[in-house]
Amino acid sequence: MQDWVIGLFENYREAALLLSVLLNVAISIVGIVPSVFLTAANIIVFGPVGGTLVSIAGEAAGAVVSFLLYRKGFKRWADKKLPDKRWIKKLLNARGKDAFFLILALRILPFVPSGLVTFAAAIGTVGVAVFTIASTIGKIPALIIEAYSVYQVTEWSFQGKIILAVFSMGIILLCLKNRRMGFYKKKEGPK
């Protein structure tokens, strides 16, 4: 996928920035597709600093467009379908300064699904301006770390090798934990 995106950006150099932002918006709307391949393509095509800035702009635009679409299409339906999480309920009713800091904190935390934060904020009482500012500021630290990691891996530097090794070990440990917890149970045949 990354190679296809790089080819697209190189073939349409004058529109590459706009294409990157539009791809980020599409990824944000879908809500479950990781954007790391797009960050990597941005860094390769626009350079480490330019690629990071393009990724931040794309993520911010994607979050706002998703917020507006979710608010328009899912508000009534979602009240009954959202997971029963304390932070979701808090976000649904947050306003003003409380909403700002809650969204900021949830964006900075690496294990909170970005799409779920956008969705919960959209169907709640958070205003568009508060969401946009808090979401964008909150995404910056995570994107800088992601961009740095992607750059180091693509350059195959010593740090990149360590990042890849740690990431690989994390995946292996997650798989082992899931296996131990029974997520990979074998189906028993007829007796």
N, C-alpha and C. Protein backbone atom coordinates (compact mmCIF):
# COMPACT_ATOMS: atom_id res chain seq x y z
N MET A 1 0.82 -1.19 0.00
CA MET A 1 0.00 0.00 0.00
C MET A 1 0.87 1.26 0.00
N GLN A 2 1.93 1.24 0.83
CA GLN A 2 2.83 2.39 0.93
C GLN A 2 3.46 2.70 -0.42
N ASP A 3 3.89 1.66 -1.14
CA ASP A 3 4.51 1.88 -2.46
C ASP A 3 3.53 2.49 -3.44
N TRP A 4 2.27 2.05 -3.38
CA TRP A 4 1.24 2.59 -4.26
C TRP A 4 1.04 4.08 -3.97
N VAL A 5 1.00 4.44 -2.68
CA VAL A 5 0.80 5.84 -2.29
C VAL A 5 2.01 6.68 -2.73
N ILE A 6 3.21 6.17 -2.53
CA ILE A 6 4.41 6.90 -2.97
C ILE A 6 4.37 7.13 -4.48
N GLY A 7 4.02 6.09 -5.23
CA GLY A 7 3.89 6.21 -6.69
C GLY A 7 2.85 7.25 -7.07
N LEU A 8 1.73 7.25 -6.37
CA LEU A 8 0.67 8.23 -6.62
C LEU A 8 1.17 9.65 -6.38
N PHE A 9 1.87 9.85 -5.26
CA PHE A 9 2.40 11.18 -4.94
C PHE A 9 3.44 11.62 -5.96
N GLU A 10 4.29 10.70 -6.40
CA GLU A 10 5.34 11.06 -7.36
C GLU A 10 4.77 11.33 -8.75
N ASN A 11 3.72 10.59 -9.14
CA ASN A 11 3.09 10.81 -10.45
C ASN A 11 2.29 12.10 -10.50
N TYR A 12 1.75 12.51 -9.37
CA TYR A 12 0.94 13.73 -9.30
C TYR A 12 1.56 14.68 -8.28
N ARG A 13 2.82 15.01 -8.50
CA ARG A 13 3.62 15.81 -7.57
C ARG A 13 2.93 17.11 -7.17
N GLU A 14 2.31 17.80 -8.14
CA GLU A 14 1.68 19.08 -7.81
C GLU A 14 0.43 18.92 -6.94
N ALA A 15 -0.15 17.75 -6.94
CA ALA A 15 -1.35 17.51 -6.13
C ALA A 15 -1.07 16.57 -4.95
N ALA A 16 0.20 16.23 -4.73
CA ALA A 16 0.54 15.23 -3.70
C ALA A 16 0.08 15.65 -2.30
N LEU A 17 0.24 16.90 -1.97
CA LEU A 17 -0.18 17.39 -0.66
C LEU A 17 -1.68 17.19 -0.46
N LEU A 18 -2.45 17.63 -1.45
CA LEU A 18 -3.91 17.49 -1.38
C LEU A 18 -4.30 16.01 -1.35
N LEU A 19 -3.66 15.18 -2.16
CA LEU A 19 -3.95 13.75 -2.16
C LEU A 19 -3.68 13.12 -0.80
N SER A 20 -2.59 13.52 -0.17
CA SER A 20 -2.26 12.99 1.15
C SER A 20 -3.33 13.35 2.17
N VAL A 21 -3.75 14.61 2.17
CA VAL A 21 -4.78 15.05 3.11
C VAL A 21 -6.08 14.30 2.84
N LEU A 22 -6.46 14.15 1.57
CA LEU A 22 -7.69 13.43 1.23
C LEU A 22 -7.62 11.96 1.64
N LEU A 23 -6.47 11.33 1.46
CA LEU A 23 -6.31 9.94 1.91
C LEU A 23 -6.44 9.85 3.43
N ASN A 24 -5.87 10.82 4.13
CA ASN A 24 -5.99 10.84 5.59
C ASN A 24 -7.44 11.02 6.02
N VAL A 25 -8.18 11.86 5.32
CA VAL A 25 -9.60 12.05 5.62
C VAL A 25 -10.35 10.73 5.42
N ALA A 26 -10.07 10.04 4.33
CA ALA A 26 -10.73 8.75 4.07
C ALA A 26 -10.40 7.74 5.16
N ILE A 27 -9.15 7.68 5.56
CA ILE A 27 -8.73 6.75 6.63
C ILE A 27 -9.45 7.10 7.93
N SER A 28 -9.58 8.38 8.23
CA SER A 28 -10.26 8.81 9.45
C SER A 28 -11.74 8.47 9.43
N ILE A 29 -12.37 8.62 8.28
CA ILE A 29 -13.80 8.32 8.17
C ILE A 29 -14.03 6.83 8.40
N VAL A 30 -13.20 6.00 7.80
CA VAL A 30 -13.34 4.55 7.99
C VAL A 30 -13.12 4.20 9.47
N GLY A 31 -12.14 4.84 10.09
CA GLY A 31 -11.95 4.72 11.52
C GLY A 31 -11.17 3.53 12.03
N ILE A 32 -10.89 2.53 11.19
CA ILE A 32 -10.17 1.35 11.68
C ILE A 32 -8.89 1.06 10.91
N VAL A 33 -8.62 1.83 9.87
CA VAL A 33 -7.43 1.61 9.05
C VAL A 33 -6.27 2.41 9.66
N PRO A 34 -5.15 1.75 9.98
CA PRO A 34 -4.01 2.50 10.52
C PRO A 34 -3.41 3.41 9.44
N SER A 35 -2.94 4.57 9.86
CA SER A 35 -2.42 5.54 8.90
C SER A 35 -0.90 5.53 8.82
N VAL A 36 -0.25 4.56 9.45
CA VAL A 36 1.21 4.54 9.50
C VAL A 36 1.82 4.44 8.09
N PHE A 37 1.18 3.72 7.19
CA PHE A 37 1.71 3.61 5.82
C PHE A 37 1.67 4.96 5.11
N LEU A 38 0.65 5.77 5.43
CA LEU A 38 0.55 7.10 4.82
C LEU A 38 1.59 8.04 5.43
N THR A 39 1.83 7.91 6.73
CA THR A 39 2.89 8.70 7.37
C THR A 39 4.23 8.36 6.74
N ALA A 40 4.48 7.07 6.52
CA ALA A 40 5.74 6.64 5.89
C ALA A 40 5.86 7.23 4.49
N ALA A 41 4.80 7.16 3.70
CA ALA A 41 4.83 7.71 2.35
C ALA A 41 5.07 9.22 2.39
N ASN A 42 4.43 9.91 3.32
CA ASN A 42 4.63 11.36 3.45
C ASN A 42 6.08 11.69 3.76
N ILE A 43 6.69 10.93 4.65
CA ILE A 43 8.09 11.19 5.03
C ILE A 43 9.03 10.91 3.86
N ILE A 44 8.77 9.85 3.13
CA ILE A 44 9.62 9.51 1.98
C ILE A 44 9.50 10.57 0.89
N VAL A 45 8.30 11.03 0.62
CA VAL A 45 8.08 11.97 -0.48
C VAL A 45 8.37 13.42 -0.06
N PHE A 46 7.95 13.84 1.12
CA PHE A 46 8.08 15.23 1.53
C PHE A 46 9.25 15.49 2.48
N GLY A 47 9.96 14.43 2.89
CA GLY A 47 11.06 14.58 3.84
C GLY A 47 10.55 14.44 5.27
N PRO A 48 11.48 14.29 6.23
CA PRO A 48 11.06 14.04 7.61
C PRO A 48 10.20 15.17 8.22
N VAL A 49 10.62 16.41 8.06
CA VAL A 49 9.87 17.52 8.65
C VAL A 49 8.60 17.79 7.85
N GLY A 50 8.74 17.92 6.53
CA GLY A 50 7.57 18.17 5.68
C GLY A 50 6.55 17.05 5.76
N GLY A 51 7.02 15.81 5.77
CA GLY A 51 6.12 14.66 5.86
C GLY A 51 5.36 14.63 7.17
N THR A 52 6.05 15.00 8.25
CA THR A 52 5.39 15.05 9.56
C THR A 52 4.32 16.14 9.57
N LEU A 53 4.64 17.31 9.02
CA LEU A 53 3.67 18.40 8.97
C LEU A 53 2.47 18.05 8.09
N VAL A 54 2.72 17.39 6.96
CA VAL A 54 1.62 16.96 6.08
C VAL A 54 0.75 15.94 6.81
N SER A 55 1.38 15.03 7.55
CA SER A 55 0.63 14.02 8.31
C SER A 55 -0.23 14.67 9.40
N ILE A 56 0.32 15.67 10.09
CA ILE A 56 -0.44 16.37 11.12
C ILE A 56 -1.64 17.08 10.49
N ALA A 57 -1.42 17.76 9.37
CA ALA A 57 -2.52 18.45 8.69
C ALA A 57 -3.58 17.46 8.22
N GLY A 58 -3.15 16.34 7.67
CA GLY A 58 -4.10 15.33 7.21
C GLY A 58 -4.89 14.70 8.34
N GLU A 59 -4.21 14.39 9.44
CA GLU A 59 -4.89 13.81 10.60
C GLU A 59 -5.90 14.80 11.18
N ALA A 60 -5.51 16.07 11.26
CA ALA A 60 -6.42 17.09 11.79
C ALA A 60 -7.65 17.24 10.89
N ALA A 61 -7.42 17.33 9.59
CA ALA A 61 -8.54 17.43 8.64
C ALA A 61 -9.43 16.19 8.71
N GLY A 62 -8.81 15.03 8.78
CA GLY A 62 -9.57 13.78 8.87
C GLY A 62 -10.43 13.72 10.11
N ALA A 63 -9.88 14.16 11.24
CA ALA A 63 -10.64 14.14 12.49
C ALA A 63 -11.85 15.08 12.42
N VAL A 64 -11.65 16.26 11.84
CA VAL A 64 -12.75 17.23 11.75
C VAL A 64 -13.84 16.73 10.80
N VAL A 65 -13.45 16.24 9.64
CA VAL A 65 -14.44 15.75 8.68
C VAL A 65 -15.19 14.55 9.27
N SER A 66 -14.48 13.64 9.91
CA SER A 66 -15.13 12.49 10.55
C SER A 66 -16.09 12.95 11.63
N PHE A 67 -15.64 13.90 12.45
CA PHE A 67 -16.48 14.45 13.51
C PHE A 67 -17.79 14.97 12.94
N LEU A 68 -17.71 15.77 11.88
CA LEU A 68 -18.91 16.36 11.28
C LEU A 68 -19.82 15.30 10.67
N LEU A 69 -19.24 14.32 9.98
CA LEU A 69 -20.05 13.25 9.40
C LEU A 69 -20.70 12.38 10.47
N TYR A 70 -19.93 12.02 11.49
CA TYR A 70 -20.48 11.20 12.57
C TYR A 70 -21.60 11.95 13.29
N ARG A 71 -21.38 13.24 13.51
CA ARG A 71 -22.39 14.03 14.22
C ARG A 71 -23.69 14.06 13.42
N LYS A 72 -23.57 14.20 12.11
CA LYS A 72 -24.75 14.29 11.26
C LYS A 72 -25.47 12.94 11.14
N GLY A 73 -24.69 11.85 11.03
CA GLY A 73 -25.31 10.58 10.70
C GLY A 73 -25.57 9.60 11.82
N PHE A 74 -24.91 9.75 12.96
CA PHE A 74 -24.99 8.68 13.95
C PHE A 74 -25.51 9.10 15.32
N LYS A 75 -25.78 10.34 15.52
CA LYS A 75 -26.10 10.84 16.86
C LYS A 75 -27.25 10.06 17.52
N ARG A 76 -28.34 9.88 16.85
CA ARG A 76 -29.50 9.19 17.44
C ARG A 76 -29.24 7.70 17.66
N TRP A 77 -28.61 7.09 16.69
CA TRP A 77 -28.37 5.65 16.72
C TRP A 77 -27.38 5.25 17.80
N ALA A 78 -26.35 6.04 17.99
CA ALA A 78 -25.21 5.63 18.80
C ALA A 78 -25.45 5.61 20.30
N ASP A 79 -26.40 6.35 20.78
CA ASP A 79 -26.62 6.39 22.22
C ASP A 79 -26.80 4.99 22.81
N LYS A 80 -27.38 4.10 22.05
CA LYS A 80 -27.65 2.75 22.54
C LYS A 80 -26.55 1.76 22.17
N LYS A 81 -25.66 2.12 21.25
CA LYS A 81 -24.69 1.16 20.70
C LYS A 81 -23.26 1.33 21.20
N LEU A 82 -22.93 2.41 21.88
CA LEU A 82 -21.55 2.65 22.31
C LEU A 82 -21.15 1.71 23.44
N PRO A 83 -19.87 1.32 23.47
CA PRO A 83 -19.39 0.48 24.58
C PRO A 83 -19.58 1.20 25.92
N ASP A 84 -19.77 0.43 26.97
CA ASP A 84 -20.01 0.99 28.29
C ASP A 84 -18.67 1.30 28.97
N LYS A 85 -18.04 2.38 28.54
CA LYS A 85 -16.76 2.82 29.09
C LYS A 85 -16.97 4.15 29.79
N ARG A 86 -16.30 4.33 30.93
CA ARG A 86 -16.45 5.55 31.71
C ARG A 86 -16.01 6.78 30.92
N TRP A 87 -14.87 6.69 30.20
CA TRP A 87 -14.38 7.86 29.47
C TRP A 87 -15.31 8.24 28.33
N ILE A 88 -16.02 7.26 27.76
CA ILE A 88 -16.96 7.58 26.68
C ILE A 88 -18.14 8.37 27.26
N LYS A 89 -18.66 7.89 28.39
CA LYS A 89 -19.79 8.61 29.01
C LYS A 89 -19.39 10.02 29.41
N LYS A 90 -18.16 10.16 29.93
CA LYS A 90 -17.66 11.47 30.32
C LYS A 90 -17.56 12.38 29.11
N LEU A 91 -17.04 11.84 28.01
CA LEU A 91 -16.87 12.63 26.79
C LEU A 91 -18.21 13.02 26.17
N LEU A 92 -19.19 12.15 26.26
CA LEU A 92 -20.51 12.45 25.70
C LEU A 92 -21.13 13.70 26.34
N ASN A 93 -20.85 13.92 27.62
CA ASN A 93 -21.48 15.03 28.34
C ASN A 93 -20.54 16.21 28.58
N ALA A 94 -19.29 16.11 28.14
CA ALA A 94 -18.31 17.16 28.40
C ALA A 94 -18.57 18.39 27.52
N ARG A 95 -18.28 19.54 28.10
CA ARG A 95 -18.42 20.81 27.37
C ARG A 95 -17.24 21.71 27.70
N GLY A 96 -16.97 22.65 26.81
CA GLY A 96 -15.98 23.69 27.05
C GLY A 96 -14.62 23.17 27.45
N LYS A 97 -14.10 23.73 28.55
CA LYS A 97 -12.75 23.41 29.02
C LYS A 97 -12.61 21.93 29.37
N ASP A 98 -13.64 21.35 30.00
CA ASP A 98 -13.58 19.93 30.36
C ASP A 98 -13.47 19.06 29.10
N ALA A 99 -14.26 19.38 28.09
CA ALA A 99 -14.20 18.64 26.83
C ALA A 99 -12.83 18.79 26.18
N PHE A 100 -12.31 20.01 26.18
CA PHE A 100 -11.01 20.28 25.57
C PHE A 100 -9.93 19.39 26.18
N PHE A 101 -9.82 19.40 27.51
CA PHE A 101 -8.76 18.64 28.17
C PHE A 101 -8.99 17.13 28.10
N LEU A 102 -10.22 16.70 28.08
CA LEU A 102 -10.51 15.27 27.94
C LEU A 102 -10.11 14.78 26.55
N ILE A 103 -10.48 15.52 25.52
CA ILE A 103 -10.10 15.13 24.14
C ILE A 103 -8.58 15.18 23.99
N LEU A 104 -7.96 16.22 24.49
CA LEU A 104 -6.51 16.34 24.43
C LEU A 104 -5.84 15.12 25.08
N ALA A 105 -6.28 14.76 26.27
CA ALA A 105 -5.70 13.61 26.97
C ALA A 105 -5.94 12.31 26.22
N LEU A 106 -7.13 12.12 25.69
CA LEU A 106 -7.44 10.88 24.97
C LEU A 106 -6.65 10.77 23.66
N ARG A 107 -6.37 11.90 23.03
CA ARG A 107 -5.57 11.88 21.79
C ARG A 107 -4.11 11.55 22.08
N ILE A 108 -3.61 12.01 23.22
CA ILE A 108 -2.20 11.78 23.57
C ILE A 108 -1.98 10.32 23.97
N LEU A 109 -2.95 9.71 24.65
CA LEU A 109 -2.81 8.32 25.09
C LEU A 109 -2.73 7.40 23.88
N PRO A 110 -1.69 6.55 23.81
CA PRO A 110 -1.48 5.76 22.61
C PRO A 110 -2.46 4.59 22.42
N PHE A 111 -3.12 4.14 23.47
CA PHE A 111 -3.93 2.94 23.33
C PHE A 111 -5.43 3.22 23.23
N VAL A 112 -5.81 4.47 23.16
CA VAL A 112 -7.21 4.83 23.00
C VAL A 112 -7.49 4.96 21.50
N PRO A 113 -8.45 4.19 20.98
CA PRO A 113 -8.73 4.25 19.54
C PRO A 113 -9.18 5.65 19.09
N SER A 114 -8.46 6.20 18.14
CA SER A 114 -8.72 7.54 17.65
C SER A 114 -10.14 7.68 17.09
N GLY A 115 -10.57 6.69 16.32
CA GLY A 115 -11.90 6.73 15.72
C GLY A 115 -13.00 6.75 16.77
N LEU A 116 -12.80 6.03 17.87
CA LEU A 116 -13.79 5.99 18.93
C LEU A 116 -13.87 7.33 19.67
N VAL A 117 -12.72 7.99 19.85
CA VAL A 117 -12.70 9.32 20.48
C VAL A 117 -13.48 10.29 19.60
N THR A 118 -13.21 10.28 18.31
CA THR A 118 -13.91 11.17 17.38
C THR A 118 -15.40 10.89 17.39
N PHE A 119 -15.76 9.62 17.35
CA PHE A 119 -17.16 9.22 17.32
C PHE A 119 -17.89 9.66 18.58
N ALA A 120 -17.30 9.38 19.75
CA ALA A 120 -17.94 9.74 21.02
C ALA A 120 -18.08 11.26 21.14
N ALA A 121 -17.05 11.99 20.73
CA ALA A 121 -17.13 13.46 20.79
C ALA A 121 -18.21 13.97 19.84
N ALA A 122 -18.31 13.37 18.68
CA ALA A 122 -19.26 13.83 17.66
C ALA A 122 -20.71 13.65 18.09
N ILE A 123 -20.99 12.57 18.78
CA ILE A 123 -22.39 12.35 19.17
C ILE A 123 -22.70 12.96 20.53
N GLY A 124 -21.68 13.51 21.17
CA GLY A 124 -21.87 14.16 22.46
C GLY A 124 -22.20 15.63 22.30
N THR A 125 -21.80 16.40 23.30
CA THR A 125 -22.14 17.83 23.32
C THR A 125 -20.96 18.73 22.99
N VAL A 126 -19.83 18.14 22.60
CA VAL A 126 -18.62 18.91 22.30
C VAL A 126 -18.83 19.76 21.05
N GLY A 127 -18.38 21.01 21.12
CA GLY A 127 -18.46 21.89 19.96
C GLY A 127 -17.36 21.58 18.95
N VAL A 128 -17.59 21.94 17.71
CA VAL A 128 -16.64 21.66 16.63
C VAL A 128 -15.30 22.36 16.88
N ALA A 129 -15.33 23.60 17.30
CA ALA A 129 -14.07 24.35 17.52
C ALA A 129 -13.25 23.72 18.64
N VAL A 130 -13.89 23.39 19.75
CA VAL A 130 -13.18 22.76 20.87
C VAL A 130 -12.59 21.43 20.42
N PHE A 131 -13.38 20.63 19.72
CA PHE A 131 -12.90 19.34 19.24
C PHE A 131 -11.71 19.52 18.31
N THR A 132 -11.81 20.42 17.35
CA THR A 132 -10.76 20.63 16.36
C THR A 132 -9.43 21.02 17.01
N ILE A 133 -9.48 21.97 17.90
CA ILE A 133 -8.25 22.45 18.54
C ILE A 133 -7.64 21.37 19.45
N ALA A 134 -8.46 20.78 20.31
CA ALA A 134 -7.95 19.77 21.24
C ALA A 134 -7.45 18.53 20.50
N SER A 135 -8.18 18.11 19.49
CA SER A 135 -7.80 16.93 18.73
C SER A 135 -6.49 17.15 17.99
N THR A 136 -6.34 18.29 17.37
CA THR A 136 -5.12 18.59 16.61
C THR A 136 -3.91 18.68 17.54
N ILE A 137 -4.05 19.41 18.63
CA ILE A 137 -2.93 19.52 19.57
C ILE A 137 -2.59 18.16 20.16
N GLY A 138 -3.60 17.37 20.48
CA GLY A 138 -3.37 16.05 21.06
C GLY A 138 -2.72 15.07 20.12
N LYS A 139 -2.96 15.21 18.83
CA LYS A 139 -2.38 14.29 17.84
C LYS A 139 -0.90 14.59 17.57
N ILE A 140 -0.46 15.80 17.81
CA ILE A 140 0.90 16.19 17.45
C ILE A 140 1.97 15.31 18.12
N PRO A 141 1.93 15.11 19.45
CA PRO A 141 2.99 14.26 20.05
C PRO A 141 3.02 12.85 19.48
N ALA A 142 1.85 12.24 19.32
CA ALA A 142 1.80 10.88 18.78
C ALA A 142 2.32 10.83 17.35
N LEU A 143 1.99 11.82 16.54
CA LEU A 143 2.46 11.84 15.16
C LEU A 143 3.95 12.11 15.06
N ILE A 144 4.49 12.91 15.95
CA ILE A 144 5.93 13.14 15.94
C ILE A 144 6.67 11.84 16.27
N ILE A 145 6.17 11.12 17.28
CA ILE A 145 6.78 9.83 17.64
C ILE A 145 6.63 8.84 16.48
N GLU A 146 5.44 8.78 15.89
CA GLU A 146 5.21 7.88 14.76
C GLU A 146 6.12 8.24 13.59
N ALA A 147 6.21 9.53 13.27
CA ALA A 147 7.04 9.96 12.15
C ALA A 147 8.51 9.66 12.40
N TYR A 148 8.98 9.91 13.62
CA TYR A 148 10.37 9.61 13.95
C TYR A 148 10.64 8.11 13.79
N SER A 149 9.74 7.30 14.32
CA SER A 149 9.91 5.85 14.24
C SER A 149 9.91 5.38 12.79
N VAL A 150 8.96 5.85 12.02
CA VAL A 150 8.86 5.46 10.60
C VAL A 150 10.12 5.89 9.85
N TYR A 151 10.58 7.11 10.11
CA TYR A 151 11.79 7.59 9.44
C TYR A 151 12.99 6.72 9.77
N GLN A 152 13.16 6.40 11.04
CA GLN A 152 14.30 5.58 11.45
C GLN A 152 14.22 4.18 10.84
N VAL A 153 13.03 3.62 10.76
CA VAL A 153 12.87 2.29 10.16
C VAL A 153 13.14 2.35 8.66
N THR A 154 12.61 3.37 7.97
CA THR A 154 12.83 3.46 6.52
C THR A 154 14.29 3.74 6.18
N GLU A 155 15.00 4.42 7.07
CA GLU A 155 16.44 4.68 6.86
C GLU A 155 17.29 3.48 7.30
N TRP A 156 16.67 2.52 7.95
CA TRP A 156 17.31 1.31 8.45
C TRP A 156 18.50 1.66 9.36
N SER A 157 18.27 2.68 10.19
CA SER A 157 19.28 3.12 11.15
C SER A 157 19.31 2.18 12.35
N PHE A 158 20.28 2.37 13.22
CA PHE A 158 20.36 1.56 14.44
C PHE A 158 19.07 1.72 15.25
N GLN A 159 18.59 2.97 15.41
CA GLN A 159 17.35 3.22 16.14
C GLN A 159 16.17 2.54 15.45
N GLY A 160 16.16 2.56 14.13
CA GLY A 160 15.09 1.91 13.38
C GLY A 160 15.06 0.42 13.61
N LYS A 161 16.24 -0.19 13.67
CA LYS A 161 16.31 -1.63 13.94
C LYS A 161 15.79 -1.95 15.34
N ILE A 162 16.14 -1.10 16.30
CA ILE A 162 15.65 -1.30 17.67
C ILE A 162 14.13 -1.12 17.72
N ILE A 163 13.62 -0.09 17.07
CA ILE A 163 12.17 0.16 17.04
C ILE A 163 11.46 -1.04 16.44
N LEU A 164 11.97 -1.56 15.33
CA LEU A 164 11.37 -2.71 14.68
C LEU A 164 11.43 -3.95 15.57
N ALA A 165 12.56 -4.14 16.25
CA ALA A 165 12.69 -5.29 17.15
C ALA A 165 11.71 -5.20 18.32
N VAL A 166 11.60 -4.02 18.91
CA VAL A 166 10.68 -3.83 20.03
C VAL A 166 9.24 -4.01 19.57
N PHE A 167 8.90 -3.46 18.42
CA PHE A 167 7.55 -3.61 17.86
C PHE A 167 7.25 -5.09 17.60
N SER A 168 8.21 -5.81 17.01
CA SER A 168 8.02 -7.23 16.72
C SER A 168 7.84 -8.04 18.01
N MET A 169 8.65 -7.72 19.01
CA MET A 169 8.50 -8.42 20.30
C MET A 169 7.14 -8.12 20.92
N GLY A 170 6.68 -6.90 20.79
CA GLY A 170 5.36 -6.54 21.31
C GLY A 170 4.25 -7.33 20.64
N ILE A 171 4.34 -7.48 19.33
CA ILE A 171 3.34 -8.26 18.58
C ILE A 171 3.37 -9.71 19.04
N ILE A 172 4.56 -10.28 19.18
CA ILE A 172 4.70 -11.68 19.62
C ILE A 172 4.11 -11.84 21.02
N LEU A 173 4.45 -10.93 21.94
CA LEU A 173 3.91 -11.02 23.30
C LEU A 173 2.39 -10.88 23.32
N LEU A 174 1.85 -10.00 22.50
CA LEU A 174 0.40 -9.83 22.41
C LEU A 174 -0.25 -11.12 21.91
N CYS A 175 0.35 -11.74 20.90
CA CYS A 175 -0.19 -13.01 20.38
C CYS A 175 -0.13 -14.10 21.44
N LEU A 176 0.98 -14.18 22.16
CA LEU A 176 1.10 -15.18 23.22
C LEU A 176 0.09 -14.94 24.34
N LYS A 177 -0.10 -13.68 24.71
CA LYS A 177 -1.08 -13.35 25.74
C LYS A 177 -2.48 -13.74 25.29
N ASN A 178 -2.81 -13.41 24.04
CA ASN A 178 -4.14 -13.75 23.52
C ASN A 178 -4.34 -15.26 23.45
N ARG A 179 -3.29 -15.98 23.12
CA ARG A 179 -3.38 -17.44 23.07
C ARG A 179 -3.64 -17.99 24.47
N ARG A 180 -2.91 -17.44 25.47
CA ARG A 180 -3.06 -17.89 26.84
C ARG A 180 -4.45 -17.55 27.37
N MET A 181 -5.02 -16.43 26.92
CA MET A 181 -6.34 -16.02 27.40
C MET A 181 -7.46 -16.75 26.66
N GLY A 182 -7.11 -17.57 25.68
CA GLY A 182 -8.12 -18.38 25.00
C GLY A 182 -8.74 -17.76 23.77
N PHE A 183 -8.13 -16.69 23.24
CA PHE A 183 -8.70 -16.08 22.04
C PHE A 183 -8.48 -16.92 20.79
N TYR A 184 -7.52 -17.84 20.86
CA TYR A 184 -7.21 -18.67 19.70
C TYR A 184 -7.55 -20.12 19.96
N LYS A 185 -8.67 -20.38 20.57
CA LYS A 185 -9.07 -21.76 20.86
C LYS A 185 -9.37 -22.50 19.56
N LYS A 186 -8.92 -23.73 19.56
CA LYS A 186 -9.22 -24.58 18.41
C LYS A 186 -10.67 -25.04 18.49
N LYS A 187 -11.32 -25.08 17.36
CA LYS A 187 -12.69 -25.56 17.33
C LYS A 187 -12.67 -27.07 17.44
N GLU A 188 -13.50 -27.56 18.31
CA GLU A 188 -13.57 -29.01 18.47
C GLU A 188 -14.54 -29.58 17.46
N GLY A 189 -14.13 -30.68 16.90
CA GLY A 189 -14.99 -31.36 15.92
C GLY A 189 -16.05 -32.19 16.61
N PRO A 190 -16.89 -32.83 15.82
CA PRO A 190 -17.96 -33.67 16.41
C PRO A 190 -17.34 -34.87 17.15
N LYS A 191 -17.97 -35.24 18.25
CA LYS A 191 -17.47 -36.37 19.04
C LYS A 191 -18.20 -37.62 18.76
